[in-house]
Structures are given as structure tokens and as C-alpha cells.
Protein backbone atom coordinates (compact mmCIF):
# COMPACT_ATOMS: atom_id res chain seq x y z
CA MET A 1 -3.97 9.83 7.13
CA PRO A 2 -7.40 8.17 7.00
CA GLU A 3 -8.72 5.79 9.61
CA LEU A 4 -7.69 2.19 9.03
CA THR A 5 -11.11 1.00 7.90
CA PRO A 6 -12.08 -0.23 4.43
CA ASP A 7 -14.48 2.70 3.91
CA ALA A 8 -11.94 5.34 4.93
CA LEU A 9 -9.21 3.68 2.88
CA ARG A 10 -11.55 3.47 -0.14
CA ALA A 11 -12.26 7.21 0.13
CA ALA A 12 -8.52 7.94 0.24
CA VAL A 13 -7.88 5.70 -2.76
CA ALA A 14 -10.70 7.46 -4.64
CA GLN A 15 -9.05 10.80 -3.93
CA LEU A 16 -5.37 9.89 -4.44
CA LEU A 17 -5.43 6.91 -6.82
CA PRO A 18 -8.82 6.75 -8.55
CA SER A 19 -7.48 4.47 -11.28
CA ARG A 20 -6.71 1.86 -8.61
CA LEU A 21 -10.26 1.66 -7.18
CA PRO A 22 -11.05 -1.57 -9.09
CA GLU A 23 -7.84 -3.12 -7.72
CA PHE A 24 -8.78 -1.97 -4.20
CA SER A 25 -12.25 -3.50 -4.48
CA ARG A 26 -10.89 -6.76 -5.87
CA HIS A 27 -8.28 -6.97 -3.11
CA LEU A 28 -10.91 -6.27 -0.42
CA SER A 29 -13.21 -8.94 -1.81
CA GLU A 30 -10.37 -11.48 -1.91
CA ALA A 31 -9.33 -10.59 1.64
CA ALA A 32 -12.90 -11.00 2.93
CA THR A 33 -13.28 -14.34 1.15
CA ASN A 34 -9.96 -15.60 2.49
CA ALA A 35 -10.81 -14.40 6.01
CA GLN A 36 -14.04 -16.35 5.88
CA LYS A 37 -12.40 -19.49 4.47
CA LYS A 38 -9.58 -19.41 7.01
CA GLN A 39 -11.80 -18.17 9.84
CA SER A 40 -9.12 -15.59 10.53
CA LEU A 41 -8.87 -11.83 10.40
CA ALA A 42 -5.30 -12.04 9.11
CA PRO A 43 -6.23 -11.55 5.42
CA LEU A 44 -8.21 -8.42 6.30
CA ARG A 45 -5.38 -7.11 8.46
CA MET A 46 -2.95 -7.65 5.58
CA PHE A 47 -5.33 -5.82 3.24
CA VAL A 48 -5.58 -2.83 5.59
CA HIS A 49 -1.82 -2.79 6.12
CA SER A 50 -1.05 -2.88 2.41
CA TRP A 51 -3.48 -0.13 1.44
CA ALA A 52 -2.65 2.07 4.43
CA VAL A 53 1.02 2.01 3.44
CA THR A 54 0.16 2.68 -0.20
CA ILE A 55 -1.98 5.66 0.78
CA SER A 56 0.66 6.95 3.16
CA ILE A 57 3.24 6.87 0.39
CA GLU A 58 0.97 8.42 -2.24
CA ARG A 59 -0.02 11.29 0.08
CA HIS A 60 3.51 12.64 -0.47
CA PRO A 61 4.12 13.09 -4.21
CA GLU A 62 7.90 13.35 -3.90
CA ARG A 63 8.11 10.17 -1.83
CA ALA A 64 5.78 8.34 -4.22
CA ALA A 65 7.76 9.47 -7.25
CA ARG A 66 11.01 8.33 -5.66
CA LEU A 67 9.53 4.94 -4.76
CA HIS A 68 8.23 4.41 -8.29
CA GLU A 69 11.60 5.45 -9.73
CA LEU A 70 13.39 2.95 -7.48
CA GLU A 71 10.93 0.18 -8.36
CA ARG A 72 11.43 0.82 -12.09
CA ALA A 73 15.20 0.75 -11.66
CA ILE A 74 15.05 -2.58 -9.83
CA ASN A 75 12.63 -4.08 -12.35
CA THR A 76 14.92 -3.16 -15.24
CA GLY A 77 18.04 -4.37 -13.44
CA GLU A 78 19.53 -0.88 -13.23
CA ALA A 79 19.62 -0.80 -9.44
CA GLY A 80 20.67 -3.09 -6.68
CA ARG A 81 20.97 -3.33 -2.94
CA GLU A 82 20.99 0.43 -2.31
CA ALA A 83 17.67 0.84 -4.10
CA ALA A 84 16.14 -2.04 -2.17
CA THR A 85 17.32 -0.48 1.08
CA GLU A 86 15.82 2.88 0.14
CA ILE A 87 12.51 1.20 -0.76
CA ARG A 88 12.48 -0.50 2.65
CA LEU A 89 13.10 2.84 4.36
CA ILE A 90 10.24 4.46 2.42
CA TRP A 91 7.92 1.62 3.43
CA GLU A 92 9.01 1.82 7.07
CA ALA A 93 8.36 5.57 7.15
CA ALA A 94 4.93 5.03 5.58
CA GLU A 95 4.09 2.30 8.10
CA ALA A 96 5.05 4.60 10.97
CA GLU A 97 2.96 7.43 9.52
CA ALA A 98 -0.02 5.10 9.21
CA GLY A 99 0.41 3.93 12.78
CA LEU A 100 1.26 0.36 11.84
């Protein structure tokens, strides 16, 4: 798991999810702008949290595939409460792995 800094997270995104680098950069820019406007580090903390969890999930292909399968099932109305619970458990495991 990379350090929880924008540079380390960017390197991990480049390695694991290169197609999402523009999204990462956009999100970082928005978080920095919002942090400045609000005079709060909360937007940057949320940015780090979100990308750390994403990286933690994507580091494990089976876990990532299962999460994406569950998300598709929910989005198409094919799944319900059990899928949502499993998604929450995946996110909680990823948060723990990332040290959040």
C-alpha cells in the first residue's frame, strides 16, 4: 500500500489504473480548490481517503472484480441489500488495509 500522499497515490494509480489518471488529477485539483475556499483540510482528507480505498481495492484483482460485479448488479436492479452489505464489507476491509 502506498503512502497516503498525493504523489504516492498518483504513482499507484498510474500503475494500477492508468486510465483513471485524468480523473485522479481532476479530483485532486477540485479538492485543493475546495480546501482553499473553505480554509479546511477536509476536502484533501476526503480525496486521500477515497483514492487510498480505491487503490487498496484494485491491488487485489479478485476483490476488485467482485466489487465491480456487485456495483453492476445494484445499478441494474439485479441485487439488493445483500450486495450493498458485501460492498460495505469490501470497503471496510480496504480502509483497514490502507490504515484509515
